[in-house]
Amino acid sequence: MRLRDAVRIRDVVRRRSTRVESEFAGRVCSDLAADLPDEDLGEYLYDCIDMYRMGSKPRCEEVEYLGMVQEAIDRLEQGC
């Protein structure tokens, strides 16, 4: 196998891996959006937590919302 062929194979594997990760992230975000239909979820889930204003929702909704977003972030980080 020539070096050029090895580089091509590595690039194909890398592209496939990125596509699979992207599809997984899309599924996680879709699941979260289905669970929170009234929320405006941004592209990055960390922004949902960072920009959230405490006290902007009733306490029980706030805890549930932040927990669901954090769970989605954990799923993305763990890949499961």
PDB file of N, CA and C in Angstrom:
ATOM      1  N   MET A   1       0.849  -1.163   0.000  1.00  0.00           N
ATOM      2  CA  MET A   1       0.000   0.000   0.000  1.00  0.00           C
ATOM      3  C   MET A   1       0.898   1.230   0.000  1.00  0.00           C
ATOM      4  N   ARG A   2       0.553   2.131  -0.855  1.00  0.00           N
ATOM      5  CA  ARG A   2       1.326   3.367  -0.936  1.00  0.00           C
ATOM      6  C   ARG A   2       0.850   4.351   0.117  1.00  0.00           C
ATOM      7  N   LEU A   3       1.690   5.318   0.433  1.00  0.00           N
ATOM      8  CA  LEU A   3       1.360   6.328   1.429  1.00  0.00           C
ATOM      9  C   LEU A   3       0.108   7.094   1.025  1.00  0.00           C
ATOM     10  N   ARG A   4      -0.008   7.399  -0.243  1.00  0.00           N
ATOM     11  CA  ARG A   4      -1.174   8.145  -0.727  1.00  0.00           C
ATOM     12  C   ARG A   4      -2.465   7.372  -0.455  1.00  0.00           C
ATOM     13  N   ASP A   5      -2.446   6.050  -0.656  1.00  0.00           N
ATOM     14  CA  ASP A   5      -3.619   5.214  -0.386  1.00  0.00           C
ATOM     15  C   ASP A   5      -3.947   5.195   1.099  1.00  0.00           C
ATOM     16  N   ALA A   6      -2.923   5.148   1.947  1.00  0.00           N
ATOM     17  CA  ALA A   6      -3.139   5.144   3.394  1.00  0.00           C
ATOM     18  C   ALA A   6      -3.784   6.453   3.847  1.00  0.00           C
ATOM     19  N   VAL A   7      -3.365   7.559   3.259  1.00  0.00           N
ATOM     20  CA  VAL A   7      -3.937   8.862   3.602  1.00  0.00           C
ATOM     21  C   VAL A   7      -5.395   8.907   3.192  1.00  0.00           C
ATOM     22  N   ARG A   8      -5.726   8.397   2.026  1.00  0.00           N
ATOM     23  CA  ARG A   8      -7.117   8.378   1.569  1.00  0.00           C
ATOM     24  C   ARG A   8      -7.993   7.552   2.498  1.00  0.00           C
ATOM     25  N   ILE A   9      -7.520   6.389   2.901  1.00  0.00           N
ATOM     26  CA  ILE A   9      -8.293   5.531   3.800  1.00  0.00           C
ATOM     27  C   ILE A   9      -8.510   6.239   5.134  1.00  0.00           C
ATOM     28  N   ARG A  10      -7.472   6.870   5.653  1.00  0.00           N
ATOM     29  CA  ARG A  10      -7.595   7.583   6.920  1.00  0.00           C
ATOM     30  C   ARG A  10      -8.607   8.715   6.805  1.00  0.00           C
ATOM     31  N   ASP A  11      -8.606   9.429   5.687  1.00  0.00           N
ATOM     32  CA  ASP A  11      -9.551  10.529   5.477  1.00  0.00           C
ATOM     33  C   ASP A  11     -10.986  10.019   5.407  1.00  0.00           C
ATOM     34  N   VAL A  12     -11.209   8.885   4.774  1.00  0.00           N
ATOM     35  CA  VAL A  12     -12.552   8.303   4.682  1.00  0.00           C
ATOM     36  C   VAL A  12     -13.042   7.911   6.066  1.00  0.00           C
ATOM     37  N   VAL A  13     -12.198   7.277   6.848  1.00  0.00           N
ATOM     38  CA  VAL A  13     -12.571   6.871   8.203  1.00  0.00           C
ATOM     39  C   VAL A  13     -12.877   8.098   9.045  1.00  0.00           C
ATOM     40  N   ARG A  14     -12.066   9.128   8.922  1.00  0.00           N
ATOM     41  CA  ARG A  14     -12.273  10.358   9.693  1.00  0.00           C
ATOM     42  C   ARG A  14     -13.595  11.015   9.307  1.00  0.00           C
ATOM     43  N   ARG A  15     -13.894  11.091   8.009  1.00  0.00           N
ATOM     44  CA  ARG A  15     -15.147  11.705   7.555  1.00  0.00           C
ATOM     45  C   ARG A  15     -16.350  10.909   8.055  1.00  0.00           C
ATOM     46  N   ARG A  16     -16.265   9.601   8.001  1.00  0.00           N
ATOM     47  CA  ARG A  16     -17.375   8.756   8.461  1.00  0.00           C
ATOM     48  C   ARG A  16     -17.589   8.940   9.951  1.00  0.00           C
ATOM     49  N   SER A  17     -16.512   8.976  10.709  1.00  0.00           N
ATOM     50  CA  SER A  17     -16.603   9.158  12.149  1.00  0.00           C
ATOM     51  C   SER A  17     -17.255  10.499  12.478  1.00  0.00           C
ATOM     52  N   THR A  18     -16.870  11.541  11.777  1.00  0.00           N
ATOM     53  CA  THR A  18     -17.448  12.868  11.993  1.00  0.00           C
ATOM     54  C   THR A  18     -18.925  12.866  11.644  1.00  0.00           C
ATOM     55  N   ARG A  19     -19.293  12.197  10.563  1.00  0.00           N
ATOM     56  CA  ARG A  19     -20.694  12.131  10.154  1.00  0.00           C
ATOM     57  C   ARG A  19     -21.528  11.398  11.197  1.00  0.00           C
ATOM     58  N   VAL A  20     -21.009  10.299  11.711  1.00  0.00           N
ATOM     59  CA  VAL A  20     -21.724   9.528  12.729  1.00  0.00           C
ATOM     60  C   VAL A  20     -21.889  10.367  13.995  1.00  0.00           C
ATOM     61  N   GLU A  21     -20.842  11.065  14.409  1.00  0.00           N
ATOM     62  CA  GLU A  21     -20.928  11.929  15.590  1.00  0.00           C
ATOM     63  C   GLU A  21     -21.940  13.039  15.369  1.00  0.00           C
ATOM     64  N   SER A  22     -21.961  13.599  14.179  1.00  0.00           N
ATOM     65  CA  SER A  22     -22.902  14.660  13.860  1.00  0.00           C
ATOM     66  C   SER A  22     -24.340  14.144  13.885  1.00  0.00           C
ATOM     67  N   GLU A  23     -24.562  12.968  13.350  1.00  0.00           N
ATOM     68  CA  GLU A  23     -25.902  12.364  13.362  1.00  0.00           C
ATOM     69  C   GLU A  23     -26.346  12.081  14.799  1.00  0.00           C
ATOM     70  N   PHE A  24     -25.436  11.602  15.621  1.00  0.00           N
ATOM     71  CA  PHE A  24     -25.752  11.330  17.016  1.00  0.00           C
ATOM     72  C   PHE A  24     -26.121  12.625  17.740  1.00  0.00           C
ATOM     73  N   ALA A  25     -25.338  13.673  17.534  1.00  0.00           N
ATOM     74  CA  ALA A  25     -25.631  14.960  18.163  1.00  0.00           C
ATOM     75  C   ALA A  25     -26.985  15.480  17.708  1.00  0.00           C
ATOM     76  N   GLY A  26     -27.298  15.311  16.450  1.00  0.00           N
ATOM     77  CA  GLY A  26     -28.597  15.730  15.927  1.00  0.00           C
ATOM     78  C   GLY A  26     -29.739  14.977  16.583  1.00  0.00           C
ATOM     79  N   ARG A  27     -29.537  13.663  16.801  1.00  0.00           N
ATOM     80  CA  ARG A  27     -30.563  12.855  17.466  1.00  0.00           C
ATOM     81  C   ARG A  27     -30.775  13.299  18.915  1.00  0.00           C
ATOM     82  N   VAL A  28     -29.686  13.559  19.627  1.00  0.00           N
ATOM     83  CA  VAL A  28     -29.788  13.996  21.019  1.00  0.00           C
ATOM     84  C   VAL A  28     -30.523  15.331  21.089  1.00  0.00           C
ATOM     85  N   CYS A  29     -30.172  16.264  20.212  1.00  0.00           N
ATOM     86  CA  CYS A  29     -30.834  17.572  20.208  1.00  0.00           C
ATOM     87  C   CYS A  29     -32.301  17.454  19.800  1.00  0.00           C
ATOM     88  N   SER A  30     -32.601  16.575  18.873  1.00  0.00           N
ATOM     89  CA  SER A  30     -34.000  16.355  18.474  1.00  0.00           C
ATOM     90  C   SER A  30     -34.821  15.788  19.618  1.00  0.00           C
ATOM     91  N   ASP A  31     -34.238  14.842  20.348  1.00  0.00           N
ATOM     92  CA  ASP A  31     -34.919  14.275  21.509  1.00  0.00           C
ATOM     93  C   ASP A  31     -35.206  15.358  22.546  1.00  0.00           C
ATOM     94  N   LEU A  32     -34.225  16.201  22.792  1.00  0.00           N
ATOM     95  CA  LEU A  32     -34.397  17.277  23.766  1.00  0.00           C
ATOM     96  C   LEU A  32     -35.449  18.273  23.288  1.00  0.00           C
ATOM     97  N   ALA A  33     -35.433  18.607  22.022  1.00  0.00           N
ATOM     98  CA  ALA A  33     -36.423  19.540  21.472  1.00  0.00           C
ATOM     99  C   ALA A  33     -37.828  18.948  21.556  1.00  0.00           C
ATOM    100  N   ALA A  34     -37.958  17.647  21.389  1.00  0.00           N
ATOM    101  CA  ALA A  34     -39.272  17.001  21.507  1.00  0.00           C
ATOM    102  C   ALA A  34     -39.761  17.033  22.953  1.00  0.00           C
ATOM    103  N   ASP A  35     -38.830  16.889  23.892  1.00  0.00           N
ATOM    104  CA  ASP A  35     -39.195  16.932  25.310  1.00  0.00           C
ATOM    105  C   ASP A  35     -39.479  18.350  25.796  1.00  0.00           C
ATOM    106  N   LEU A  36     -38.883  19.337  25.130  1.00  0.00           N
ATOM    107  CA  LEU A  36     -39.056  20.746  25.517  1.00  0.00           C
ATOM    108  C   LEU A  36     -39.553  21.555  24.315  1.00  0.00           C
ATOM    109  N   PRO A  37     -40.773  21.295  23.849  1.00  0.00           N
ATOM    110  CA  PRO A  37     -41.249  21.922  22.606  1.00  0.00           C
ATOM    111  C   PRO A  37     -41.401  23.443  22.679  1.00  0.00           C
ATOM    112  N   ASP A  38     -41.599  23.993  23.862  1.00  0.00           N
ATOM    113  CA  ASP A  38     -41.796  25.436  23.989  1.00  0.00           C
ATOM    114  C   ASP A  38     -40.497  26.206  24.169  1.00  0.00           C
ATOM    115  N   GLU A  39     -39.384  25.510  24.252  1.00  0.00           N
ATOM    116  CA  GLU A  39     -38.100  26.165  24.481  1.00  0.00           C
ATOM    117  C   GLU A  39     -37.395  26.456  23.166  1.00  0.00           C
ATOM    118  N   ASP A  40     -36.675  27.550  23.157  1.00  0.00           N
ATOM    119  CA  ASP A  40     -35.867  27.914  21.999  1.00  0.00           C
ATOM    120  C   ASP A  40     -34.442  27.455  22.266  1.00  0.00           C
ATOM    121  N   LEU A  41     -34.148  26.222  21.851  1.00  0.00           N
ATOM    122  CA  LEU A  41     -32.825  25.660  22.083  1.00  0.00           C
ATOM    123  C   LEU A  41     -31.879  26.120  20.993  1.00  0.00           C
ATOM    124  N   GLY A  42     -30.730  26.600  21.394  1.00  0.00           N
ATOM    125  CA  GLY A  42     -29.739  27.054  20.425  1.00  0.00           C
ATOM    126  C   GLY A  42     -28.968  25.898  19.843  1.00  0.00           C
ATOM    127  N   GLU A  43     -28.025  26.239  19.011  1.00  0.00           N
ATOM    128  CA  GLU A  43     -27.203  25.217  18.361  1.00  0.00           C
ATOM    129  C   GLU A  43     -26.293  24.515  19.374  1.00  0.00           C
ATOM    130  N   TYR A  44     -25.838  25.253  20.369  1.00  0.00           N
ATOM    131  CA  TYR A  44     -24.928  24.707  21.365  1.00  0.00           C
ATOM    132  C   TYR A  44     -25.648  24.611  22.704  1.00  0.00           C
ATOM    133  N   LEU A  45     -25.739  23.417  23.249  1.00  0.00           N
ATOM    134  CA  LEU A  45     -26.478  23.211  24.481  1.00  0.00           C
ATOM    135  C   LEU A  45     -25.820  23.893  25.679  1.00  0.00           C
ATOM    136  N   TYR A  46     -24.490  24.059  25.620  1.00  0.00           N
ATOM    137  CA  TYR A  46     -23.825  24.770  26.711  1.00  0.00           C
ATOM    138  C   TYR A  46     -24.363  26.195  26.828  1.00  0.00           C
ATOM    139  N   ASP A  47     -24.720  26.798  25.699  1.00  0.00           N
ATOM    140  CA  ASP A  47     -25.281  28.150  25.725  1.00  0.00           C
ATOM    141  C   ASP A  47     -26.609  28.188  26.468  1.00  0.00           C
ATOM    142  N   CYS A  48     -27.398  27.126  26.366  1.00  0.00           N
ATOM    143  CA  CYS A  48     -28.682  27.069  27.076  1.00  0.00           C
ATOM    144  C   CYS A  48     -28.468  27.187  28.577  1.00  0.00           C
ATOM    145  N   ILE A  49     -27.418  26.568  29.067  1.00  0.00           N
ATOM    146  CA  ILE A  49     -27.133  26.618  30.503  1.00  0.00           C
ATOM    147  C   ILE A  49     -26.444  27.927  30.861  1.00  0.00           C
ATOM    148  N   ASP A  50     -25.469  28.330  30.064  1.00  0.00           N
ATOM    149  CA  ASP A  50     -24.707  29.546  30.373  1.00  0.00           C
ATOM    150  C   ASP A  50     -25.565  30.803  30.345  1.00  0.00           C
ATOM    151  N   MET A  51     -26.522  30.857  29.434  1.00  0.00           N
ATOM    152  CA  MET A  51     -27.310  32.073  29.258  1.00  0.00           C
ATOM    153  C   MET A  51     -28.649  32.029  30.005  1.00  0.00           C
ATOM    154  N   TYR A  52     -28.890  30.949  30.716  1.00  0.00           N
ATOM    155  CA  TYR A  52     -30.157  30.820  31.433  1.00  0.00           C
ATOM    156  C   TYR A  52     -30.179  31.768  32.635  1.00  0.00           C
ATOM    157  N   ARG A  53     -31.285  32.458  32.809  1.00  0.00           N
ATOM    158  CA  ARG A  53     -31.474  33.357  33.954  1.00  0.00           C
ATOM    159  C   ARG A  53     -32.230  32.612  35.042  1.00  0.00           C
ATOM    160  N   MET A  54     -31.575  32.390  36.163  1.00  0.00           N
ATOM    161  CA  MET A  54     -32.218  31.709  37.286  1.00  0.00           C
ATOM    162  C   MET A  54     -33.425  32.534  37.737  1.00  0.00           C
ATOM    163  N   GLY A  55     -34.522  31.844  38.006  1.00  0.00           N
ATOM    164  CA  GLY A  55     -35.733  32.505  38.458  1.00  0.00           C
ATOM    165  C   GLY A  55     -36.662  32.921  37.330  1.00  0.00           C
ATOM    166  N   SER A  56     -36.298  32.623  36.094  1.00  0.00           N
ATOM    167  CA  SER A  56     -37.138  33.010  34.960  1.00  0.00           C
ATOM    168  C   SER A  56     -38.282  32.025  34.723  1.00  0.00           C
ATOM    169  N   LYS A  57     -38.266  30.905  35.429  1.00  0.00           N
ATOM    170  CA  LYS A  57     -39.326  29.900  35.338  1.00  0.00           C
ATOM    171  C   LYS A  57     -39.733  29.534  36.767  1.00  0.00           C
ATOM    172  N   PRO A  58     -40.908  28.949  36.922  1.00  0.00           N
ATOM    173  CA  PRO A  58     -41.244  28.403  38.237  1.00  0.00           C
ATOM    174  C   PRO A  58     -40.182  27.386  38.650  1.00  0.00           C
ATOM    175  N   ARG A  59     -39.915  27.296  39.922  1.00  0.00           N
ATOM    176  CA  ARG A  59     -38.812  26.487  40.445  1.00  0.00           C
ATOM    177  C   ARG A  59     -38.817  25.040  39.938  1.00  0.00           C
ATOM    178  N   CYS A  60     -39.981  24.377  39.939  1.00  0.00           N
ATOM    179  CA  CYS A  60     -40.010  22.970  39.508  1.00  0.00           C
ATOM    180  C   CYS A  60     -39.702  22.852  38.015  1.00  0.00           C
ATOM    181  N   GLU A  61     -40.173  23.791  37.205  1.00  0.00           N
ATOM    182  CA  GLU A  61     -39.872  23.766  35.767  1.00  0.00           C
ATOM    183  C   GLU A  61     -38.398  24.067  35.524  1.00  0.00           C
ATOM    184  N   GLU A  62     -37.870  24.973  36.321  1.00  0.00           N
ATOM    185  CA  GLU A  62     -36.469  25.353  36.184  1.00  0.00           C
ATOM    186  C   GLU A  62     -35.553  24.162  36.436  1.00  0.00           C
ATOM    187  N   VAL A  63     -35.803  23.445  37.495  1.00  0.00           N
ATOM    188  CA  VAL A  63     -34.993  22.272  37.839  1.00  0.00           C
ATOM    189  C   VAL A  63     -35.097  21.217  36.746  1.00  0.00           C
ATOM    190  N   GLU A  64     -36.318  20.975  36.274  1.00  0.00           N
ATOM    191  CA  GLU A  64     -36.517  19.977  35.222  1.00  0.00           C
ATOM    192  C   GLU A  64     -35.809  20.382  33.928  1.00  0.00           C
ATOM    193  N   TYR A  65     -35.956  21.652  33.525  1.00  0.00           N
ATOM    194  CA  TYR A  65     -35.330  22.159  32.297  1.00  0.00           C
ATOM    195  C   TYR A  65     -33.814  22.021  32.368  1.00  0.00           C
ATOM    196  N   LEU A  66     -33.220  22.532  33.427  1.00  0.00           N
ATOM    197  CA  LEU A  66     -31.760  22.488  33.551  1.00  0.00           C
ATOM    198  C   LEU A  66     -31.258  21.047  33.632  1.00  0.00           C
ATOM    199  N   GLY A  67     -32.004  20.184  34.290  1.00  0.00           N
ATOM    200  CA  GLY A  67     -31.624  18.772  34.376  1.00  0.00           C
ATOM    201  C   GLY A  67     -31.655  18.088  33.017  1.00  0.00           C
ATOM    202  N   MET A  68     -32.684  18.374  32.232  1.00  0.00           N
ATOM    203  CA  MET A  68     -32.802  17.754  30.900  1.00  0.00           C
ATOM    204  C   MET A  68     -31.693  18.236  29.968  1.00  0.00           C
ATOM    205  N   VAL A  69     -31.388  19.523  30.024  1.00  0.00           N
ATOM    206  CA  VAL A  69     -30.321  20.052  29.172  1.00  0.00           C
ATOM    207  C   VAL A  69     -28.976  19.456  29.590  1.00  0.00           C
ATOM    208  N   GLN A  70     -28.724  19.381  30.891  1.00  0.00           N
ATOM    209  CA  GLN A  70     -27.466  18.807  31.369  1.00  0.00           C
ATOM    210  C   GLN A  70     -27.365  17.331  30.996  1.00  0.00           C
ATOM    211  N   GLU A  71     -28.465  16.603  31.067  1.00  0.00           N
ATOM    212  CA  GLU A  71     -28.468  15.187  30.676  1.00  0.00           C
ATOM    213  C   GLU A  71     -28.131  15.025  29.193  1.00  0.00           C
ATOM    214  N   ALA A  72     -28.664  15.900  28.346  1.00  0.00           N
ATOM    215  CA  ALA A  72     -28.361  15.857  26.913  1.00  0.00           C
ATOM    216  C   ALA A  72     -26.880  16.156  26.680  1.00  0.00           C
ATOM    217  N   ILE A  73     -26.335  17.131  27.404  1.00  0.00           N
ATOM    218  CA  ILE A  73     -24.922  17.452  27.268  1.00  0.00           C
ATOM    219  C   ILE A  73     -24.066  16.258  27.694  1.00  0.00           C
ATOM    220  N   ASP A  74     -24.445  15.620  28.795  1.00  0.00           N
ATOM    221  CA  ASP A  74     -23.710  14.435  29.257  1.00  0.00           C
ATOM    222  C   ASP A  74     -23.766  13.309  28.227  1.00  0.00           C
ATOM    223  N   ARG A  75     -24.932  13.099  27.615  1.00  0.00           N
ATOM    224  CA  ARG A  75     -25.054  12.062  26.564  1.00  0.00           C
ATOM    225  C   ARG A  75     -24.112  12.356  25.405  1.00  0.00           C
ATOM    226  N   LEU A  76     -24.033  13.629  25.018  1.00  0.00           N
ATOM    227  CA  LEU A  76     -23.150  13.994  23.906  1.00  0.00           C
ATOM    228  C   LEU A  76     -21.691  13.751  24.266  1.00  0.00           C
ATOM    229  N   GLU A  77     -21.316  14.114  25.477  1.00  0.00           N
ATOM    230  CA  GLU A  77     -19.928  13.934  25.893  1.00  0.00           C
ATOM    231  C   GLU A  77     -19.549  12.468  26.004  1.00  0.00           C
ATOM    232  N   GLN A  78     -20.490  11.639  26.462  1.00  0.00           N
ATOM    233  CA  GLN A  78     -20.210  10.218  26.647  1.00  0.00           C
ATOM    234  C   GLN A  78     -20.398   9.423  25.355  1.00  0.00           C
ATOM    235  N   GLY A  79     -21.149  10.000  24.423  1.00  0.00           N
ATOM    236  CA  GLY A  79     -21.382   9.305  23.156  1.00  0.00           C
ATOM    237  C   GLY A  79     -22.375   8.168  23.262  1.00  0.00           C
ATOM    238  N   CYS A  80     -23.287   8.236  24.222  1.00  0.00           N
ATOM    239  CA  CYS A  80     -24.281   7.163  24.342  1.00  0.00           C
ATOM    240  C   CYS A  80     -25.669   7.712  24.509  1.00  0.00           C
TER     241      CYS A  80
END
